Amino acid sequence: MNRRPDEIRASSILPARRHDVQLHTGDGLTLVGELALPARRDPLGTLVTLHPLPTHGGFMDSHVFKKAAFRLPAQADLAVLRFNLRGVTSPRGTSQGSFDTAVSERFDVAAAIELAEFHEEPELVNRWLVGWSFGTDLALMYGNDPSVAGAILLSPPLRFAGPEHLAAWAESGKPLVALVPEHDDYLRPDEAGERFAVVPQAEVVAVAGAKHLWVGESYVRRVHEEIVARVNPEALPLARTWPAAEQQHEPSPAQRLSPAAAPSLTRHHLP
């Protein structure tokens, strides 16, 4: 199949200002991450992402979040903060500490919210938490902060978060959106609707055909569209093309065996 050279593909990396960041937790750890910003303007919204379960391969580069950082600063004028929870390693580096089964991770969530809240030049406005799987539990348990506008939950298992956390979100009145795959391994749409019913403002979006890991470019795009619909709806519909000369491309698995294949992204380091 012939593709247009300007088509946004699964491997596309669109223009952005990318900064390596460190997050400092209340219990004395340093976490590593990246902040991606629109290339030519201040962001109109901010995504603070919380990745899936580290013991099952979750990290800041989990594909839906990595592609959000690669695309949404350009497509939707959003800032995207990704970071490794305690004890997690990615090509960006290793965060200090060790996995603590959603207990000490409360400090990690607080550090991410704090970085977003107090960031200057540019200010990170309209801050939303976006959790995926384990990250949704962290968002529900620890993310109901005055500086957070709302939360978007991808494949929420409701494994660690309890009724008291849902009750707190209900009382807050803040938007809570759960994107639930039809074929999820842990919580499917009908049960999700029942369990989130205690949060009057909660919106459960059933995604036909999808599975827990959102594998497939059509599902990644659907997730990104649902996120943007809440955080900056004026950016919809998301662009499907971008000038070819401004795109870079992530190497294929075979190309990754060659260090020379990695795209040279402009990065800045922030303390």
C-alpha atoms as a PDB file:
ATOM      1  CA  MET A   1       0.000   0.000   0.000  1.00  0.00           C
ATOM      2  CA  ASN A   2       1.360   3.405  -0.972  1.00  0.00           C
ATOM      3  CA  ARG A   3       1.353   5.929   1.832  1.00  0.00           C
ATOM      4  CA  ARG A   4       1.520   9.661   1.591  1.00  0.00           C
ATOM      5  CA  PRO A   5       4.918  10.916   2.754  1.00  0.00           C
ATOM      6  CA  ASP A   6       3.234  13.359   5.125  1.00  0.00           C
ATOM      7  CA  GLU A   7       1.014  10.745   6.798  1.00  0.00           C
ATOM      8  CA  ILE A   8       1.386  10.473  10.581  1.00  0.00           C
ATOM      9  CA  ARG A   9       2.398   6.861  11.115  1.00  0.00           C
ATOM     10  CA  ALA A  10       2.838   4.657  14.173  1.00  0.00           C
ATOM     11  CA  SER A  11       6.537   5.592  14.170  1.00  0.00           C
ATOM     12  CA  SER A  12       6.089   9.353  13.671  1.00  0.00           C
ATOM     13  CA  ILE A  13       7.760  11.825  16.009  1.00  0.00           C
ATOM     14  CA  LEU A  14       6.383  15.323  15.531  1.00  0.00           C
ATOM     15  CA  PRO A  15       8.086  18.600  16.515  1.00  0.00           C
ATOM     16  CA  ALA A  16       8.221  19.469  20.219  1.00  0.00           C
ATOM     17  CA  ARG A  17      10.502  20.952  22.842  1.00  0.00           C
ATOM     18  CA  ARG A  18      11.681  17.976  24.877  1.00  0.00           C
ATOM     19  CA  HIS A  19      13.231  18.368  28.313  1.00  0.00           C
ATOM     20  CA  ASP A  20      14.729  15.712  30.541  1.00  0.00           C
ATOM     21  CA  VAL A  21      13.381  16.321  34.044  1.00  0.00           C
ATOM     22  CA  GLN A  22      13.935  15.051  37.559  1.00  0.00           C
ATOM     23  CA  LEU A  23      11.148  14.720  40.106  1.00  0.00           C
ATOM     24  CA  HIS A  24      11.947  14.893  43.806  1.00  0.00           C
ATOM     25  CA  THR A  25       9.713  12.952  46.172  1.00  0.00           C
ATOM     26  CA  GLY A  26       8.750  13.756  49.731  1.00  0.00           C
ATOM     27  CA  ASP A  27      10.581  10.656  50.951  1.00  0.00           C
ATOM     28  CA  GLY A  28      13.870  11.725  49.399  1.00  0.00           C
ATOM     29  CA  LEU A  29      13.999   9.935  46.044  1.00  0.00           C
ATOM     30  CA  THR A  30      14.834  11.263  42.581  1.00  0.00           C
ATOM     31  CA  LEU A  31      12.697  10.061  39.690  1.00  0.00           C
ATOM     32  CA  VAL A  32      13.577  10.526  36.027  1.00  0.00           C
ATOM     33  CA  GLY A  33      11.249  11.717  33.300  1.00  0.00           C
ATOM     34  CA  GLU A  34      10.624  13.847  30.241  1.00  0.00           C
ATOM     35  CA  LEU A  35       8.472  16.889  29.610  1.00  0.00           C
ATOM     36  CA  ALA A  36       7.388  17.411  25.997  1.00  0.00           C
ATOM     37  CA  LEU A  37       6.041  20.867  25.095  1.00  0.00           C
ATOM     38  CA  PRO A  38       4.571  22.411  21.945  1.00  0.00           C
ATOM     39  CA  ALA A  39       7.379  23.575  19.709  1.00  0.00           C
ATOM     40  CA  ARG A  40       6.242  27.140  19.097  1.00  0.00           C
ATOM     41  CA  ARG A  41       3.716  28.125  21.763  1.00  0.00           C
ATOM     42  CA  ASP A  42       2.776  27.636  25.381  1.00  0.00           C
ATOM     43  CA  PRO A  43       0.650  24.586  26.116  1.00  0.00           C
ATOM     44  CA  LEU A  44      -3.124  24.824  26.407  1.00  0.00           C
ATOM     45  CA  GLY A  45      -3.316  21.739  28.595  1.00  0.00           C
ATOM     46  CA  THR A  46      -1.066  19.366  30.484  1.00  0.00           C
ATOM     47  CA  LEU A  47      -1.076  15.584  30.772  1.00  0.00           C
ATOM     48  CA  VAL A  48       0.586  14.119  33.856  1.00  0.00           C
ATOM     49  CA  THR A  49       0.895  10.444  32.927  1.00  0.00           C
ATOM     50  CA  LEU A  50       1.066   7.510  35.340  1.00  0.00           C
ATOM     51  CA  HIS A  51       2.292   4.333  33.702  1.00  0.00           C
ATOM     52  CA  PRO A  52       1.162   0.687  34.014  1.00  0.00           C
ATOM     53  CA  LEU A  53       2.354  -1.850  36.582  1.00  0.00           C
ATOM     54  CA  PRO A  54       6.172  -1.963  36.729  1.00  0.00           C
ATOM     55  CA  THR A  55       6.223  -5.667  37.581  1.00  0.00           C
ATOM     56  CA  HIS A  56       4.424  -6.325  34.277  1.00  0.00           C
ATOM     57  CA  GLY A  57       6.626  -4.146  32.100  1.00  0.00           C
ATOM     58  CA  GLY A  58       5.065  -0.727  32.653  1.00  0.00           C
ATOM     59  CA  PHE A  59       7.339   2.300  32.366  1.00  0.00           C
ATOM     60  CA  MET A  60       7.345   5.850  31.033  1.00  0.00           C
ATOM     61  CA  ASP A  61       7.795   4.559  27.469  1.00  0.00           C
ATOM     62  CA  SER A  62       4.670   2.386  27.503  1.00  0.00           C
ATOM     63  CA  HIS A  63       3.482   2.907  23.968  1.00  0.00           C
ATOM     64  CA  VAL A  64       0.293   4.952  24.386  1.00  0.00           C
ATOM     65  CA  PHE A  65       2.135   7.496  26.536  1.00  0.00           C
ATOM     66  CA  LYS A  66       5.267   7.581  24.417  1.00  0.00           C
ATOM     67  CA  LYS A  67       3.193   8.222  21.312  1.00  0.00           C
ATOM     68  CA  ALA A  68       1.248  10.901  23.177  1.00  0.00           C
ATOM     69  CA  ALA A  69       4.549  12.660  23.887  1.00  0.00           C
ATOM     70  CA  PHE A  70       5.612  12.199  20.268  1.00  0.00           C
ATOM     71  CA  ARG A  71       2.407  13.639  18.804  1.00  0.00           C
ATOM     72  CA  LEU A  72       0.118  15.604  21.109  1.00  0.00           C
ATOM     73  CA  PRO A  73       2.361  18.642  21.700  1.00  0.00           C
ATOM     74  CA  ALA A  74       2.123  19.245  17.940  1.00  0.00           C
ATOM     75  CA  GLN A  75      -1.377  17.946  17.238  1.00  0.00           C
ATOM     76  CA  ALA A  76      -3.152  19.421  20.247  1.00  0.00           C
ATOM     77  CA  ASP A  77      -0.859  21.997  21.927  1.00  0.00           C
ATOM     78  CA  LEU A  78      -0.552  19.802  25.018  1.00  0.00           C
ATOM     79  CA  ALA A  79       2.341  19.350  27.408  1.00  0.00           C
ATOM     80  CA  VAL A  80       3.040  15.696  28.220  1.00  0.00           C
ATOM     81  CA  LEU A  81       4.898  14.732  31.387  1.00  0.00           C
ATOM     82  CA  ARG A  82       6.128  11.136  31.516  1.00  0.00           C
ATOM     83  CA  PHE A  83       8.286   9.662  34.243  1.00  0.00           C
ATOM     84  CA  ASN A  84       9.401   6.360  35.714  1.00  0.00           C
ATOM     85  CA  LEU A  85       7.814   5.471  39.020  1.00  0.00           C
ATOM     86  CA  ARG A  86      10.195   4.462  41.818  1.00  0.00           C
ATOM     87  CA  GLY A  87      12.540   1.633  40.914  1.00  0.00           C
ATOM     88  CA  VAL A  88      11.620   1.671  37.218  1.00  0.00           C
ATOM     89  CA  THR A  89      14.141   1.795  34.352  1.00  0.00           C
ATOM     90  CA  SER A  90      13.770   3.059  30.776  1.00  0.00           C
ATOM     91  CA  PRO A  91      16.212   4.468  28.218  1.00  0.00           C
ATOM     92  CA  ARG A  92      15.831   7.799  30.027  1.00  0.00           C
ATOM     93  CA  GLY A  93      17.348   6.219  33.166  1.00  0.00           C
ATOM     94  CA  THR A  94      16.361   4.602  36.444  1.00  0.00           C
ATOM     95  CA  SER A  95      14.263   6.186  39.159  1.00  0.00           C
ATOM     96  CA  GLN A  96      15.507   5.637  42.675  1.00  0.00           C
ATOM     97  CA  GLY A  97      13.705   3.410  45.154  1.00  0.00           C
ATOM     98  CA  SER A  98      11.770   0.208  44.612  1.00  0.00           C
ATOM     99  CA  PHE A  99       8.233  -0.843  43.740  1.00  0.00           C
ATOM    100  CA  ASP A 100       5.950  -0.570  46.768  1.00  0.00           C
ATOM    101  CA  THR A 101       2.578  -1.962  45.654  1.00  0.00           C
ATOM    102  CA  ALA A 102       0.835   1.430  45.419  1.00  0.00           C
ATOM    103  CA  VAL A 103       1.892   2.546  48.904  1.00  0.00           C
ATOM    104  CA  SER A 104       4.992   4.758  48.684  1.00  0.00           C
ATOM    105  CA  GLU A 105       4.036   5.580  45.107  1.00  0.00           C
ATOM    106  CA  ARG A 106       1.855   8.273  46.661  1.00  0.00           C
ATOM    107  CA  PHE A 107       5.038  10.328  46.913  1.00  0.00           C
ATOM    108  CA  ASP A 108       5.716   9.805  43.200  1.00  0.00           C
ATOM    109  CA  VAL A 109       2.275  11.084  42.242  1.00  0.00           C
ATOM    110  CA  ALA A 110       2.676  14.094  44.524  1.00  0.00           C
ATOM    111  CA  ALA A 111       6.072  14.895  42.989  1.00  0.00           C
ATOM    112  CA  ALA A 112       4.639  14.809  39.473  1.00  0.00           C
ATOM    113  CA  ILE A 113       1.704  17.030  40.395  1.00  0.00           C
ATOM    114  CA  GLU A 114       4.069  19.436  42.130  1.00  0.00           C
ATOM    115  CA  LEU A 115       6.389  19.646  39.112  1.00  0.00           C
ATOM    116  CA  ALA A 116       3.448  20.457  36.857  1.00  0.00           C
ATOM    117  CA  GLU A 117       1.866  22.915  39.266  1.00  0.00           C
ATOM    118  CA  PHE A 118       4.979  24.987  39.874  1.00  0.00           C
ATOM    119  CA  HIS A 119       6.652  24.757  36.470  1.00  0.00           C
ATOM    120  CA  GLU A 120       7.429  28.140  34.937  1.00  0.00           C
ATOM    121  CA  GLU A 121       8.364  29.255  31.423  1.00  0.00           C
ATOM    122  CA  PRO A 122       5.989  27.979  30.334  1.00  0.00           C
ATOM    123  CA  GLU A 123       3.294  27.588  32.936  1.00  0.00           C
ATOM    124  CA  LEU A 124       1.662  24.173  32.691  1.00  0.00           C
ATOM    125  CA  VAL A 125      -2.022  25.031  32.726  1.00  0.00           C
ATOM    126  CA  ASN A 126      -5.160  22.877  32.749  1.00  0.00           C
ATOM    127  CA  ARG A 127      -3.478  19.912  34.393  1.00  0.00           C
ATOM    128  CA  TRP A 128      -5.032  16.445  33.961  1.00  0.00           C
ATOM    129  CA  LEU A 129      -3.872  13.102  35.281  1.00  0.00           C
ATOM    130  CA  VAL A 130      -3.829  10.289  32.737  1.00  0.00           C
ATOM    131  CA  GLY A 131      -3.336   6.875  34.284  1.00  0.00           C
ATOM    132  CA  TRP A 132      -3.078   3.529  32.558  1.00  0.00           C
ATOM    133  CA  SER A 133      -3.859   0.284  34.401  1.00  0.00           C
ATOM    134  CA  PHE A 134      -1.850   0.467  37.677  1.00  0.00           C
ATOM    135  CA  GLY A 135      -1.489   4.189  36.991  1.00  0.00           C
ATOM    136  CA  THR A 136      -5.277   4.583  37.190  1.00  0.00           C
ATOM    137  CA  ASP A 137      -5.241   3.245  40.744  1.00  0.00           C
ATOM    138  CA  LEU A 138      -2.550   5.771  41.633  1.00  0.00           C
ATOM    139  CA  ALA A 139      -4.586   8.567  40.063  1.00  0.00           C
ATOM    140  CA  LEU A 140      -7.695   7.587  42.007  1.00  0.00           C
ATOM    141  CA  MET A 141      -5.863   7.062  45.296  1.00  0.00           C
ATOM    142  CA  TYR A 142      -3.466  10.007  45.281  1.00  0.00           C
ATOM    143  CA  GLY A 143      -4.359  12.353  42.447  1.00  0.00           C
ATOM    144  CA  ASN A 144      -7.407  14.158  43.799  1.00  0.00           C
ATOM    145  CA  ASP A 145      -5.427  17.339  44.311  1.00  0.00           C
ATOM    146  CA  PRO A 146      -6.731  20.929  44.171  1.00  0.00           C
ATOM    147  CA  SER A 147      -4.346  21.706  41.299  1.00  0.00           C
ATOM    148  CA  VAL A 148      -5.643  18.852  39.119  1.00  0.00           C
ATOM    149  CA  ALA A 149      -8.527  19.574  36.737  1.00  0.00           C
ATOM    150  CA  GLY A 150      -9.606  15.965  36.284  1.00  0.00           C
ATOM    151  CA  ALA A 151      -8.462  12.442  35.523  1.00  0.00           C
ATOM    152  CA  ILE A 152      -8.620  10.127  32.532  1.00  0.00           C
ATOM    153  CA  LEU A 153      -8.275   6.420  33.256  1.00  0.00           C
ATOM    154  CA  LEU A 154      -7.137   3.918  30.617  1.00  0.00           C
ATOM    155  CA  SER A 155      -8.061   0.300  31.372  1.00  0.00           C
ATOM    156  CA  PRO A 156      -8.797   0.861  35.073  1.00  0.00           C
ATOM    157  CA  PRO A 157      -8.632  -2.446  36.999  1.00  0.00           C
ATOM    158  CA  LEU A 158      -9.763  -0.925  40.323  1.00  0.00           C
ATOM    159  CA  ARG A 159      -7.336  -3.290  42.004  1.00  0.00           C
ATOM    160  CA  PHE A 160      -5.792  -1.024  44.638  1.00  0.00           C
ATOM    161  CA  ALA A 161      -8.226   1.892  44.666  1.00  0.00           C
ATOM    162  CA  GLY A 162     -11.149   1.377  47.014  1.00  0.00           C
ATOM    163  CA  PRO A 163     -14.663   2.760  47.563  1.00  0.00           C
ATOM    164  CA  GLU A 164     -13.263   5.558  49.720  1.00  0.00           C
ATOM    165  CA  HIS A 165     -11.210   6.868  46.797  1.00  0.00           C
ATOM    166  CA  LEU A 166     -14.179   6.821  44.436  1.00  0.00           C
ATOM    167  CA  ALA A 167     -16.221   8.591  47.119  1.00  0.00           C
ATOM    168  CA  ALA A 168     -13.589  11.323  47.355  1.00  0.00           C
ATOM    169  CA  TRP A 169     -13.695  11.874  43.587  1.00  0.00           C
ATOM    170  CA  ALA A 170     -17.481  11.985  43.729  1.00  0.00           C
ATOM    171  CA  GLU A 171     -17.308  14.678  46.392  1.00  0.00           C
ATOM    172  CA  SER A 172     -14.757  16.668  44.404  1.00  0.00           C
ATOM    173  CA  GLY A 173     -17.081  16.978  41.401  1.00  0.00           C
ATOM    174  CA  LYS A 174     -14.067  16.864  39.094  1.00  0.00           C
ATOM    175  CA  PRO A 175     -14.329  15.144  35.711  1.00  0.00           C
ATOM    176  CA  LEU A 176     -13.427  11.451  35.803  1.00  0.00           C
ATOM    177  CA  VAL A 177     -13.308   9.582  32.504  1.00  0.00           C
ATOM    178  CA  ALA A 178     -12.713   5.831  32.258  1.00  0.00           C
ATOM    179  CA  LEU A 179     -11.817   4.383  28.856  1.00  0.00           C
ATOM    180  CA  VAL A 180     -12.662   0.695  29.181  1.00  0.00           C
ATOM    181  CA  PRO A 181     -11.744  -1.866  26.503  1.00  0.00           C
ATOM    182  CA  GLU A 182     -14.464  -4.249  25.417  1.00  0.00           C
ATOM    183  CA  HIS A 183     -12.110  -7.201  25.954  1.00  0.00           C
ATOM    184  CA  ASP A 184     -10.233  -5.958  29.005  1.00  0.00           C
ATOM    185  CA  ASP A 185      -8.482  -8.590  31.126  1.00  0.00           C
ATOM    186  CA  TYR A 186      -9.600  -7.110  34.457  1.00  0.00           C
ATOM    187  CA  LEU A 187     -12.608  -4.788  34.226  1.00  0.00           C
ATOM    188  CA  ARG A 188     -15.001  -4.708  31.292  1.00  0.00           C
ATOM    189  CA  PRO A 189     -17.499  -1.991  30.407  1.00  0.00           C
ATOM    190  CA  ASP A 190     -20.629  -3.351  32.129  1.00  0.00           C
ATOM    191  CA  GLU A 191     -18.884  -3.932  35.455  1.00  0.00           C
ATOM    192  CA  ALA A 192     -17.006  -0.644  35.120  1.00  0.00           C
ATOM    193  CA  GLY A 193     -20.320   1.159  34.701  1.00  0.00           C
ATOM    194  CA  GLU A 194     -21.606  -0.408  37.912  1.00  0.00           C
ATOM    195  CA  ARG A 195     -18.501   0.337  39.953  1.00  0.00           C
ATOM    196  CA  PHE A 196     -18.086   3.918  38.748  1.00  0.00           C
ATOM    197  CA  ALA A 197     -21.777   4.659  39.267  1.00  0.00           C
ATOM    198  CA  VAL A 198     -20.924   5.918  42.760  1.00  0.00           C
ATOM    199  CA  VAL A 199     -19.208   8.877  41.079  1.00  0.00           C
ATOM    200  CA  PRO A 200     -22.098  10.842  39.537  1.00  0.00           C
ATOM    201  CA  GLN A 201     -19.887  12.812  37.162  1.00  0.00           C
ATOM    202  CA  ALA A 202     -17.879   9.779  36.029  1.00  0.00           C
ATOM    203  CA  GLU A 203     -18.050   8.924  32.350  1.00  0.00           C
ATOM    204  CA  VAL A 204     -17.391   5.331  31.300  1.00  0.00           C
ATOM    205  CA  VAL A 205     -16.463   5.045  27.628  1.00  0.00           C
ATOM    206  CA  ALA A 206     -16.612   1.510  26.239  1.00  0.00           C
ATOM    207  CA  VAL A 207     -14.179   0.983  23.368  1.00  0.00           C
ATOM    208  CA  ALA A 208     -15.319  -1.763  21.020  1.00  0.00           C
ATOM    209  CA  GLY A 209     -12.701  -4.326  20.064  1.00  0.00           C
ATOM    210  CA  ALA A 210      -9.997  -2.949  22.341  1.00  0.00           C
ATOM    211  CA  LYS A 211      -7.945  -4.910  24.870  1.00  0.00           C
ATOM    212  CA  HIS A 212      -6.160  -3.895  28.062  1.00  0.00           C
ATOM    213  CA  LEU A 213      -2.900  -2.922  26.331  1.00  0.00           C
ATOM    214  CA  TRP A 214      -4.480  -0.874  23.507  1.00  0.00           C
ATOM    215  CA  VAL A 215      -2.406  -2.651  20.875  1.00  0.00           C
ATOM    216  CA  GLY A 216      -2.943  -1.316  17.368  1.00  0.00           C
ATOM    217  CA  GLU A 217      -2.619   2.143  15.899  1.00  0.00           C
ATOM    218  CA  SER A 218      -6.382   2.623  15.610  1.00  0.00           C
ATOM    219  CA  TYR A 219      -6.763   2.160  19.369  1.00  0.00           C
ATOM    220  CA  VAL A 220      -3.867   4.477  20.164  1.00  0.00           C
ATOM    221  CA  ARG A 221      -5.503   7.168  18.056  1.00  0.00           C
ATOM    222  CA  ARG A 222      -8.845   6.565  19.741  1.00  0.00           C
ATOM    223  CA  VAL A 223      -7.268   6.999  23.179  1.00  0.00           C
ATOM    224  CA  HIS A 224      -5.514  10.193  22.095  1.00  0.00           C
ATOM    225  CA  GLU A 225      -8.744  11.561  20.625  1.00  0.00           C
ATOM    226  CA  GLU A 226     -10.669  10.834  23.826  1.00  0.00           C
ATOM    227  CA  ILE A 227      -7.970  12.556  25.894  1.00  0.00           C
ATOM    228  CA  VAL A 228      -7.909  15.634  23.675  1.00  0.00           C
ATOM    229  CA  ALA A 229     -11.726  15.777  23.652  1.00  0.00           C
ATOM    230  CA  ARG A 230     -11.561  16.493  27.383  1.00  0.00           C
ATOM    231  CA  VAL A 231      -8.401  18.545  27.707  1.00  0.00           C
ATOM    232  CA  ASN A 232      -8.408  20.695  24.538  1.00  0.00           C
ATOM    233  CA  PRO A 233     -11.424  19.833  22.387  1.00  0.00           C
ATOM    234  CA  GLU A 234     -10.782  22.685  19.967  1.00  0.00           C
ATOM    235  CA  ALA A 235      -7.817  20.682  18.637  1.00  0.00           C
ATOM    236  CA  LEU A 236     -10.144  18.014  17.243  1.00  0.00           C
ATOM    237  CA  PRO A 237     -10.094  16.383  14.815  1.00  0.00           C
ATOM    238  CA  LEU A 238      -6.450  15.499  15.328  1.00  0.00           C
ATOM    239  CA  ALA A 239      -4.281  15.981  12.271  1.00  0.00           C
ATOM    240  CA  ARG A 240      -3.573  12.791  10.333  1.00  0.00           C
ATOM    241  CA  THR A 241      -0.805  14.398   8.273  1.00  0.00           C
ATOM    242  CA  TRP A 242       2.220  16.560   9.048  1.00  0.00           C
ATOM    243  CA  PRO A 243       4.892  17.984   6.738  1.00  0.00           C
ATOM    244  CA  ALA A 244       7.242  15.112   6.011  1.00  0.00           C
ATOM    245  CA  ALA A 245      10.285  17.343   6.431  1.00  0.00           C
ATOM    246  CA  GLU A 246       9.248  18.054  10.053  1.00  0.00           C
ATOM    247  CA  GLN A 247       8.699  14.420  11.013  1.00  0.00           C
ATOM    248  CA  GLN A 248      11.187  12.040  12.516  1.00  0.00           C
ATOM    249  CA  HIS A 249      10.548   8.323  12.879  1.00  0.00           C
ATOM    250  CA  GLU A 250      11.189   5.892  15.669  1.00  0.00           C
ATOM    251  CA  PRO A 251      13.343   2.979  14.477  1.00  0.00           C
ATOM    252  CA  SER A 252      11.741  -0.396  13.839  1.00  0.00           C
ATOM    253  CA  PRO A 253      12.698  -3.280  16.173  1.00  0.00           C
ATOM    254  CA  ALA A 254      15.267  -4.467  13.631  1.00  0.00           C
ATOM    255  CA  GLN A 255      16.714  -0.982  13.229  1.00  0.00           C
ATOM    256  CA  ARG A 256      17.073  -0.606  16.998  1.00  0.00           C
ATOM    257  CA  LEU A 257      19.903  -3.111  16.876  1.00  0.00           C
ATOM    258  CA  SER A 258      21.926  -0.344  15.251  1.00  0.00           C
ATOM    259  CA  PRO A 259      22.592   2.648  17.558  1.00  0.00           C
ATOM    260  CA  ALA A 260      22.971   4.830  14.480  1.00  0.00           C
ATOM    261  CA  ALA A 261      19.303   4.269  13.682  1.00  0.00           C
ATOM    262  CA  ALA A 262      17.986   6.202  16.661  1.00  0.00           C
ATOM    263  CA  PRO A 263      16.569   9.644  15.752  1.00  0.00           C
ATOM    264  CA  SER A 264      18.509  12.578  17.135  1.00  0.00           C
ATOM    265  CA  LEU A 265      15.919  14.444  19.211  1.00  0.00           C
ATOM    266  CA  THR A 266      16.740  17.888  20.528  1.00  0.00           C
ATOM    267  CA  ARG A 267      16.725  17.667  24.320  1.00  0.00           C
ATOM    268  CA  HIS A 268      17.302  20.017  27.180  1.00  0.00           C
ATOM    269  CA  HIS A 269      18.070  19.071  30.773  1.00  0.00           C
ATOM    270  CA  LEU A 270      16.177  20.615  33.638  1.00  0.00           C
ATOM    271  CA  PRO A 271      17.016  20.036  37.304  1.00  0.00           C
END
